[in-house]
């Protein structure tokens, strides 16, 4: 019988540029909740969720219903041309949900990179400054501003020439790699002494938990220090919650775990259940800094995506997905820590809610991307879809839909354990 995935891979290689990467060589034909069926009819358990996009699962009935109802009304007018009520209502809901005891406003765009770009525009307009500090290992998108802010060269910056000016990177604290909070703060001080004066810095942008960088949470001490620094120096603190948002960490937003509010919050991924929608929400006075027409875009806040997002917020509340994320994450971390007793390659198990990672080193204590890839491939052979990440490529991140059935979650953890132990035995 013909392998339809292989045939499609050949067509893909001919039709698409190699720069459009591919993580798993299987083509989806249908999907429901946490299961995907490929072109060959094989069923896979999805522990990627489209990179934390379908936190509410594939084709959740409530989201399908919301999109279908909107389809019967209209699909596009461009909010700048003919506005619509559900756009305004979603902005009101997000203004209430995003951390911060202050008046907020919300702007909709289409992608996470756009959200980051617009947050920088807003911060610069508000402060009249141009400098931006980001962190090593951070990921903020593939546009020129996004990849300039991103603290990882390959593959995101390779061959693309000069980056945007006035972007500076401080070291991100990672205990397992020997980088402390003190190192990070000293790095920021070095930037002020050798690169740009503090009074020219418009913003500091940070992921509360690094996504592509390796699922490393920001230590409380650093987040406290950044908030204090921004307050003292008149800088805007931007939280990139694109991967961490919408129940993934056991809260609507990861910043809630710190008891600290950012001035601007970037969102996308999990907000609209697979529909393209991204957001900047922040302090009203800061958000109002750009002039009319300075924010937005033709497709920003598309009516179908807005309808889906309303349904996502409803599902998170009705199905208690924040609590579910905490339960799932605890079970997965417990299983991984038990496996680590028999597998010396496991260097670290970490996570907040159901944003969990396992990091692998070789027997000499060095990052082991080859072992990590072997675990991923063995899991895929047994029909479990996983994603790797990390500056060294030695981390597997777990992003299962928060709506996954308990029996399927257990099945996936069994496959994962088998893959890790099999890789260690080879």
Protein backbone atom coordinates (compact mmCIF):
# COMPACT_ATOMS: atom_id res chain seq x y z
CA UNK A 1 0.00 0.00 0.00
CA UNK A 2 1.31 3.45 -0.94
CA UNK A 3 2.60 5.61 1.90
CA UNK A 4 0.68 8.81 1.28
CA UNK A 5 2.83 10.75 3.74
CA UNK A 6 5.96 9.94 1.74
CA UNK A 7 4.30 10.89 -1.52
CA UNK A 8 3.23 14.22 -0.02
CA UNK A 9 6.70 14.82 1.39
CA UNK A 10 8.10 14.58 -2.14
CA UNK A 11 5.50 17.01 -3.45
CA UNK A 12 6.20 19.33 -0.52
CA UNK A 13 9.94 19.33 -1.23
CA UNK A 14 9.26 20.35 -4.82
CA UNK A 15 6.63 22.99 -4.07
CA UNK A 16 7.91 24.63 -0.85
CA UNK A 17 11.22 26.32 -0.04
CA UNK A 18 13.48 24.51 2.41
CA UNK A 19 13.27 27.49 4.75
CA UNK A 20 9.75 26.40 5.70
CA UNK A 21 10.81 23.90 8.34
CA UNK A 22 9.18 20.57 9.14
CA UNK A 23 9.15 18.96 12.59
CA UNK A 24 7.25 15.74 11.85
CA UNK A 25 6.93 13.98 8.47
CA UNK A 26 3.23 13.16 8.74
CA UNK A 27 0.36 14.95 7.02
CA UNK A 28 -2.84 15.53 8.99
CA UNK A 29 -6.13 14.51 7.40
CA UNK A 30 -8.45 14.99 10.36
CA UNK A 31 -8.23 15.79 14.05
CA UNK A 32 -10.43 15.79 17.12
CA UNK A 33 -9.42 16.96 20.59
CA UNK A 34 -5.96 15.41 21.19
CA UNK A 35 -5.96 12.91 18.32
CA UNK A 36 -4.83 13.42 14.73
CA UNK A 37 -5.36 11.01 11.84
CA UNK A 38 -2.81 11.16 9.02
CA UNK A 39 -3.21 10.57 5.29
CA UNK A 40 -2.54 6.85 5.77
CA UNK A 41 -5.33 6.55 8.33
CA UNK A 42 -2.95 6.16 11.27
CA UNK A 43 -3.97 7.81 14.55
CA UNK A 44 -1.52 9.92 16.59
CA UNK A 45 -1.73 11.46 20.04
CA UNK A 46 -0.95 15.16 19.73
CA UNK A 47 1.40 16.49 22.42
CA UNK A 48 2.22 19.59 20.36
CA UNK A 49 -1.20 21.27 19.95
CA UNK A 50 0.10 23.24 16.99
CA UNK A 51 2.74 24.74 19.32
CA UNK A 52 0.33 25.60 22.16
CA UNK A 53 -2.40 26.86 19.81
CA UNK A 54 -5.20 24.35 20.36
CA UNK A 55 -5.12 24.36 24.15
CA UNK A 56 -8.85 23.62 23.90
CA UNK A 57 -8.25 20.69 21.55
CA UNK A 58 -8.85 20.21 17.85
CA UNK A 59 -12.36 21.11 16.70
CA UNK A 60 -13.88 21.73 20.10
CA UNK A 61 -17.67 21.66 19.51
CA UNK A 62 -18.23 25.05 21.12
CA UNK A 63 -15.56 26.69 18.96
CA UNK A 64 -16.85 25.03 15.78
CA UNK A 65 -20.34 26.25 16.65
CA UNK A 66 -19.12 29.82 17.21
CA UNK A 67 -17.23 29.95 13.90
CA UNK A 68 -20.18 28.43 12.04
CA UNK A 69 -22.58 31.00 13.50
CA UNK A 70 -20.25 33.85 12.49
CA UNK A 71 -19.93 32.38 8.99
CA UNK A 72 -23.67 32.79 8.61
CA UNK A 73 -23.34 36.52 9.39
CA UNK A 74 -20.18 37.79 7.63
CA UNK A 75 -16.54 36.76 7.28
CA UNK A 76 -14.74 40.07 6.79
CA UNK A 77 -15.36 43.79 6.71
CA UNK A 78 -12.03 45.03 8.15
CA UNK A 79 -12.67 46.58 11.54
CA UNK A 80 -11.14 49.86 10.33
CA UNK A 81 -13.82 50.07 7.63
CA UNK A 82 -16.94 48.59 9.22
CA UNK A 83 -16.49 47.63 12.89
CA UNK A 84 -18.39 44.86 14.68
CA UNK A 85 -19.56 44.35 18.25
CA UNK A 86 -17.86 41.05 19.10
CA UNK A 87 -14.47 42.70 18.43
CA UNK A 88 -15.19 45.35 21.04
CA UNK A 89 -16.59 42.77 23.44
CA UNK A 90 -13.48 40.59 23.20
CA UNK A 91 -11.30 43.62 23.89
CA UNK A 92 -13.40 44.29 26.99
CA UNK A 93 -13.00 40.69 28.16
CA UNK A 94 -9.23 40.73 27.67
CA UNK A 95 -8.91 44.10 29.40
CA UNK A 96 -10.50 42.44 32.43
CA UNK A 97 -8.50 39.21 32.22
CA UNK A 98 -4.96 40.50 31.67
CA UNK A 99 -3.09 41.10 34.95
CA UNK A 100 -2.88 44.66 36.21
CA UNK A 101 -5.05 46.81 38.46
CA UNK A 102 -5.22 49.70 36.01
CA UNK A 103 -7.26 50.82 33.01
CA UNK A 104 -6.38 48.82 29.89
CA UNK A 105 -6.98 48.88 26.16
CA UNK A 106 -6.56 46.15 23.54
CA UNK A 107 -5.48 46.09 19.88
CA UNK A 108 -5.95 43.06 17.62
CA UNK A 109 -3.57 41.87 14.91
CA UNK A 110 -3.09 38.52 13.19
CA UNK A 111 0.16 36.85 14.31
CA UNK A 112 2.33 36.68 17.40
CA UNK A 113 5.18 38.42 15.59
CA UNK A 114 2.82 41.28 14.75
CA UNK A 115 1.81 41.53 18.39
CA UNK A 116 5.47 41.86 19.40
CA UNK A 117 6.17 44.39 16.63
CA UNK A 118 3.22 46.51 17.72
CA UNK A 119 4.18 46.33 21.39
CA UNK A 120 7.59 47.76 20.49
CA UNK A 121 5.94 50.48 18.36
CA UNK A 122 3.62 51.38 21.22
CA UNK A 123 6.45 51.47 23.78
CA UNK A 124 8.56 53.69 21.53
CA UNK A 125 5.65 56.02 20.84
CA UNK A 126 4.89 56.30 24.54
CA UNK A 127 8.45 56.87 25.77
CA UNK A 128 9.97 58.72 22.83
CA UNK A 129 12.90 56.30 23.14
CA UNK A 130 14.18 53.59 20.79
CA UNK A 131 16.24 51.04 22.73
CA UNK A 132 14.87 47.61 23.62
CA UNK A 133 16.39 44.95 25.89
CA UNK A 134 15.58 41.29 25.27
CA UNK A 135 17.15 38.05 26.54
CA UNK A 136 19.35 35.31 25.21
CA UNK A 137 17.34 32.25 24.23
CA UNK A 138 14.14 34.23 23.84
CA UNK A 139 11.92 33.84 20.79
CA UNK A 140 9.74 36.68 19.54
CA UNK A 141 9.00 35.87 15.89
CA UNK A 142 10.47 35.73 12.39
CA UNK A 143 9.85 39.29 11.18
CA UNK A 144 12.90 41.55 11.23
CA UNK A 145 12.00 43.08 14.58
CA UNK A 146 10.94 39.67 15.90
CA UNK A 147 14.13 37.90 14.93
CA UNK A 148 16.22 40.87 16.09
CA UNK A 149 14.67 40.47 19.54
CA UNK A 150 15.05 36.68 19.39
CA UNK A 151 18.11 35.50 21.30
CA UNK A 152 18.97 32.51 19.10
CA UNK A 153 20.86 32.69 15.81
CA UNK A 154 20.23 29.36 14.05
CA UNK A 155 17.93 29.00 12.25
CA UNK A 156 16.12 32.28 12.81
CA UNK A 157 18.84 34.80 11.89
CA UNK A 158 21.08 32.73 9.65
CA UNK A 159 21.79 34.39 6.26
CA UNK A 160 19.43 37.30 6.90
CA UNK A 161 22.01 40.01 7.35
CA UNK A 162 21.94 42.94 9.72
CA UNK A 163 19.30 42.99 12.44
CA UNK A 164 17.24 45.98 13.56
CA UNK A 165 19.19 48.64 15.46
CA UNK A 166 18.93 49.50 19.14
CA UNK A 167 18.21 45.91 20.25
CA UNK A 168 20.32 44.53 23.12
CA UNK A 169 20.42 41.11 24.75
CA UNK A 170 21.03 40.24 28.39
CA UNK A 171 21.81 36.69 29.53
CA UNK A 172 18.77 34.70 30.61
CA UNK A 173 19.17 32.93 33.98
CA UNK A 174 19.27 29.15 33.62
CA UNK A 175 20.46 27.35 36.72
CA UNK A 176 21.15 24.06 34.93
CA UNK A 177 23.49 25.97 32.57
CA UNK A 178 25.21 27.90 35.34
CA UNK A 179 23.65 31.33 34.61
CA UNK A 180 22.24 33.11 37.66
CA UNK A 181 19.87 36.01 38.21
CA UNK A 182 22.89 38.01 39.31
CA UNK A 183 24.50 37.27 35.94
CA UNK A 184 21.39 38.53 34.16
CA UNK A 185 21.22 41.75 36.14
CA UNK A 186 24.96 42.30 35.68
CA UNK A 187 24.42 41.82 31.96
CA UNK A 188 21.80 44.57 31.91
CA UNK A 189 24.17 46.86 33.80
CA UNK A 190 26.87 46.12 31.21
CA UNK A 191 24.43 47.12 28.47
CA UNK A 192 23.85 50.45 30.24
CA UNK A 193 27.59 51.01 30.61
CA UNK A 194 28.84 49.91 27.21
CA UNK A 195 25.91 49.91 24.73
CA UNK A 196 23.10 52.37 25.53
CA UNK A 197 22.19 54.65 28.42
CA UNK A 198 19.14 53.64 30.42
CA UNK A 199 17.33 56.85 29.52
CA UNK A 200 17.28 55.78 25.86
CA UNK A 201 15.69 52.38 26.55
CA UNK A 202 12.00 52.23 25.70
CA UNK A 203 11.22 48.69 26.85
CA UNK A 204 12.33 45.37 28.25
CA UNK A 205 10.62 42.37 26.67
CA UNK A 206 10.61 38.93 28.27
CA UNK A 207 8.75 35.62 28.07
CA UNK A 208 7.62 34.60 31.59
CA UNK A 209 8.64 31.10 30.52
CA UNK A 210 10.91 30.84 27.52
CA UNK A 211 9.21 28.80 24.80
CA UNK A 212 11.52 27.97 21.92
CA UNK A 213 14.44 28.72 24.25
CA UNK A 214 13.79 25.65 26.40
CA UNK A 215 10.80 26.15 28.73
CA UNK A 216 12.88 27.93 31.37
CA UNK A 217 10.73 29.96 33.81
CA UNK A 218 11.86 33.46 34.79
CA UNK A 219 12.92 33.36 38.46
CA UNK A 220 10.76 35.51 40.73
CA UNK A 221 13.83 37.52 41.75
CA UNK A 222 14.50 38.57 38.16
CA UNK A 223 10.89 39.48 37.42
CA UNK A 224 10.78 41.61 40.59
CA UNK A 225 14.01 43.33 39.56
CA UNK A 226 12.78 44.04 36.02
CA UNK A 227 9.54 45.57 37.30
CA UNK A 228 11.51 47.77 39.71
CA UNK A 229 14.00 48.80 37.01
CA UNK A 230 11.27 49.72 34.54
CA UNK A 231 9.47 51.78 37.18
CA UNK A 232 12.67 53.60 38.15
CA UNK A 233 13.84 54.31 34.61
CA UNK A 234 10.53 54.99 32.87
CA UNK A 235 10.78 51.86 30.68
CA UNK A 236 7.86 49.75 29.50
CA UNK A 237 7.82 46.12 30.69
CA UNK A 238 6.48 43.86 27.93
CA UNK A 239 5.41 40.29 28.70
CA UNK A 240 5.47 38.01 25.67
CA UNK A 241 2.71 35.58 26.68
CA UNK A 242 2.24 34.19 23.17
CA UNK A 243 3.08 30.61 24.17
CA UNK A 244 2.31 30.83 27.90
CA UNK A 245 -1.19 32.29 27.72
CA UNK A 246 -4.70 30.93 28.07
CA UNK A 247 -4.54 28.32 30.85
CA UNK A 248 -1.31 26.67 29.71
CA UNK A 249 0.50 27.41 32.99
CA UNK A 250 -2.51 26.91 35.25
CA UNK A 251 -3.48 30.59 35.01
CA UNK A 252 -4.94 32.60 32.19
CA UNK A 253 -1.53 34.26 31.97
CA UNK A 254 1.83 33.16 33.33
CA UNK A 255 2.49 36.61 34.81
CA UNK A 256 -0.24 35.85 37.36
CA UNK A 257 2.19 33.35 38.92
CA UNK A 258 4.51 36.25 39.76
CA UNK A 259 2.02 38.66 41.24
CA UNK A 260 3.42 41.27 38.86
CA UNK A 261 1.71 43.08 35.99
CA UNK A 262 3.49 43.94 32.78
CA UNK A 263 2.71 47.28 31.12
CA UNK A 264 2.01 45.56 27.79
CA UNK A 265 1.08 41.91 27.20
CA UNK A 266 1.44 40.14 23.85
CA UNK A 267 -0.89 37.22 23.13
CA UNK A 268 -1.67 34.86 20.24
CA UNK A 269 -1.51 31.04 19.88
CA UNK A 270 -4.00 29.65 22.41
CA UNK A 271 -6.44 32.54 22.18
CA UNK A 272 -8.54 31.52 19.17
CA UNK A 273 -8.43 27.72 19.00
CA UNK A 274 -6.49 27.59 15.74
CA UNK A 275 -7.84 30.72 14.08
CA UNK A 276 -5.25 33.47 13.41
CA UNK A 277 -5.56 36.14 16.09
CA UNK A 278 -3.02 38.07 18.12
CA UNK A 279 -3.30 40.84 20.69
CA UNK A 280 -1.53 43.59 22.54
CA UNK A 281 -3.25 44.57 25.78
CA UNK A 282 -1.82 47.16 28.11
CA UNK A 283 -2.07 50.30 30.16
CA UNK A 284 -4.55 52.61 28.49
CA UNK A 285 -2.26 55.64 28.50
CA UNK A 286 0.55 53.64 26.89
CA UNK A 287 -1.75 51.99 24.35
CA UNK A 288 -3.08 55.42 23.31
CA UNK A 289 0.39 56.73 22.39
CA UNK A 290 0.26 55.88 18.62
CA UNK A 291 -1.83 58.14 16.39
CA UNK A 292 -4.99 56.84 14.65
CA UNK A 293 -4.01 54.45 11.86
CA UNK A 294 -0.70 53.59 13.52
CA UNK A 295 -2.02 50.26 14.78
CA UNK A 296 -4.05 47.49 13.16
CA UNK A 297 -4.14 45.78 9.79
CA UNK A 298 -6.53 44.51 7.15
CA UNK A 299 -7.09 41.11 8.74
CA UNK A 300 -6.47 42.02 12.38
CA UNK A 301 -9.36 40.86 14.53
CA UNK A 302 -11.01 38.85 11.75
CA UNK A 303 -14.66 38.15 12.74
CA UNK A 304 -14.27 34.36 12.59
CA UNK A 305 -11.18 34.48 14.83
CA UNK A 306 -12.91 36.84 17.24
CA UNK A 307 -15.89 34.48 17.51
CA UNK A 308 -13.55 31.55 18.12
CA UNK A 309 -11.72 33.47 20.86
CA UNK A 310 -14.94 34.18 22.73
CA UNK A 311 -15.66 30.46 22.66
CA UNK A 312 -12.12 29.62 23.86
CA UNK A 313 -12.49 31.90 26.88
CA UNK A 314 -15.84 30.28 27.66
CA UNK A 315 -14.40 26.76 27.39
CA UNK A 316 -11.47 27.63 29.67
CA UNK A 317 -13.92 28.70 32.36
CA UNK A 318 -16.61 26.08 31.87
CA UNK A 319 -14.19 23.13 31.71
CA UNK A 320 -11.85 24.54 34.38
CA UNK A 321 -8.81 24.21 32.14
CA UNK A 322 -6.53 26.17 34.47
CA UNK A 323 -7.09 23.55 37.15
CA UNK A 324 -6.79 20.79 34.55
CA UNK A 325 -3.41 22.16 33.43
CA UNK A 326 -2.09 21.96 36.98
CA UNK A 327 -3.29 18.38 37.42
CA UNK A 328 -1.86 17.20 34.10
CA UNK A 329 1.46 18.96 34.63
CA UNK A 330 1.89 17.43 38.07
CA UNK A 331 1.21 13.93 36.72
CA UNK A 332 3.64 14.36 33.83
CA UNK A 333 6.42 15.78 36.00
CA UNK A 334 5.97 12.94 38.49
CA UNK A 335 6.23 10.36 35.71
CA UNK A 336 9.35 12.01 34.22
CA UNK A 337 11.07 12.24 37.61
CA UNK A 338 10.39 8.55 38.19
CA UNK A 339 11.87 7.74 34.78
CA UNK A 340 14.95 9.83 35.64
CA UNK A 341 15.82 7.33 38.38
CA UNK A 342 16.64 4.83 35.62
CA UNK A 343 17.80 7.17 32.86
CA UNK A 344 20.91 9.19 33.64
CA UNK A 345 20.52 11.30 30.47
CA UNK A 346 17.67 13.22 32.09
CA UNK A 347 19.33 16.39 33.36
CA UNK A 348 16.24 18.31 34.40
CA UNK A 349 12.46 18.09 34.62
CA UNK A 350 10.61 21.39 34.98
CA UNK A 351 7.36 23.09 34.25
CA UNK A 352 4.53 25.33 35.34
CA UNK A 353 1.09 23.87 34.83
CA UNK A 354 1.01 21.89 31.59
CA UNK A 355 3.99 23.72 30.14
CA UNK A 356 6.45 20.95 31.00
CA UNK A 357 9.90 20.07 29.66
CA UNK A 358 12.54 17.41 30.07
CA UNK A 359 16.19 18.22 29.29
CA UNK A 360 18.73 15.61 28.20
CA UNK A 361 22.51 15.63 28.64
CA UNK A 362 25.03 13.00 27.62
CA UNK A 363 26.94 10.96 30.19
CA UNK A 364 29.57 13.73 30.35
CA UNK A 365 26.96 16.28 31.37
CA UNK A 366 26.87 18.06 28.00
CA UNK A 367 23.66 18.89 26.09
CA UNK A 368 22.66 15.89 23.96
CA UNK A 369 20.49 16.90 20.98
CA UNK A 370 21.06 13.52 19.30
CA UNK A 371 19.55 11.64 22.24
CA UNK A 372 16.68 14.12 22.35
CA UNK A 373 15.94 13.59 18.65
CA UNK A 374 16.04 9.83 19.18
CA UNK A 375 13.42 10.04 21.93
CA UNK A 376 11.21 12.21 19.71
CA UNK A 377 11.54 9.82 16.75
CA UNK A 378 10.88 6.71 18.82
CA UNK A 379 7.76 8.35 20.28
CA UNK A 380 6.56 9.30 16.79
CA UNK A 381 7.05 5.72 15.61
CA UNK A 382 4.63 4.74 18.38
CA UNK A 383 2.17 7.47 17.34
CA UNK A 384 2.98 10.21 19.86
CA UNK A 385 3.76 13.67 18.44
CA UNK A 386 6.39 15.60 20.43
CA UNK A 387 8.34 18.85 19.93
CA UNK A 388 11.94 19.66 20.79
CA UNK A 389 13.28 23.08 21.73
CA UNK A 390 16.17 24.80 23.49
CA UNK A 391 19.26 26.67 22.34
CA UNK A 392 21.09 23.32 22.24
CA UNK A 393 18.16 21.33 20.88
CA UNK A 394 18.27 19.03 23.90
CA UNK A 395 14.81 19.72 25.39
CA UNK A 396 11.47 18.06 24.72
CA UNK A 397 8.49 20.30 25.49
CA UNK A 398 5.04 18.99 26.25
CA UNK A 399 2.04 20.95 25.00
CA UNK A 400 -0.85 18.51 24.99
CA UNK A 401 -4.33 20.00 24.61
CA UNK A 402 -5.70 20.73 28.07
CA UNK A 403 -8.91 18.95 27.09
CA UNK A 404 -7.20 15.59 26.47
CA UNK A 405 -9.03 12.61 27.95
CA UNK A 406 -7.36 11.08 31.03
CA UNK A 407 -7.06 7.64 29.40
CA UNK A 408 -5.36 9.12 26.35
CA UNK A 409 -3.03 11.15 28.54
CA UNK A 410 -1.98 7.98 30.36
CA UNK A 411 -1.44 6.20 27.04
CA UNK A 412 0.78 9.05 25.86
CA UNK A 413 2.87 8.98 29.04
CA UNK A 414 3.37 5.23 28.60
CA UNK A 415 4.62 5.78 25.04
CA UNK A 416 6.92 8.54 26.26
CA UNK A 417 8.42 6.37 28.98
CA UNK A 418 9.02 3.56 26.54
CA UNK A 419 10.72 5.92 24.07
CA UNK A 420 13.05 7.42 26.71
CA UNK A 421 14.06 4.05 28.09
CA UNK A 422 14.53 2.57 24.63
CA UNK A 423 16.76 5.48 23.63
CA UNK A 424 18.80 5.06 26.80
CA UNK A 425 19.25 1.35 26.11
CA UNK A 426 20.64 1.89 22.60
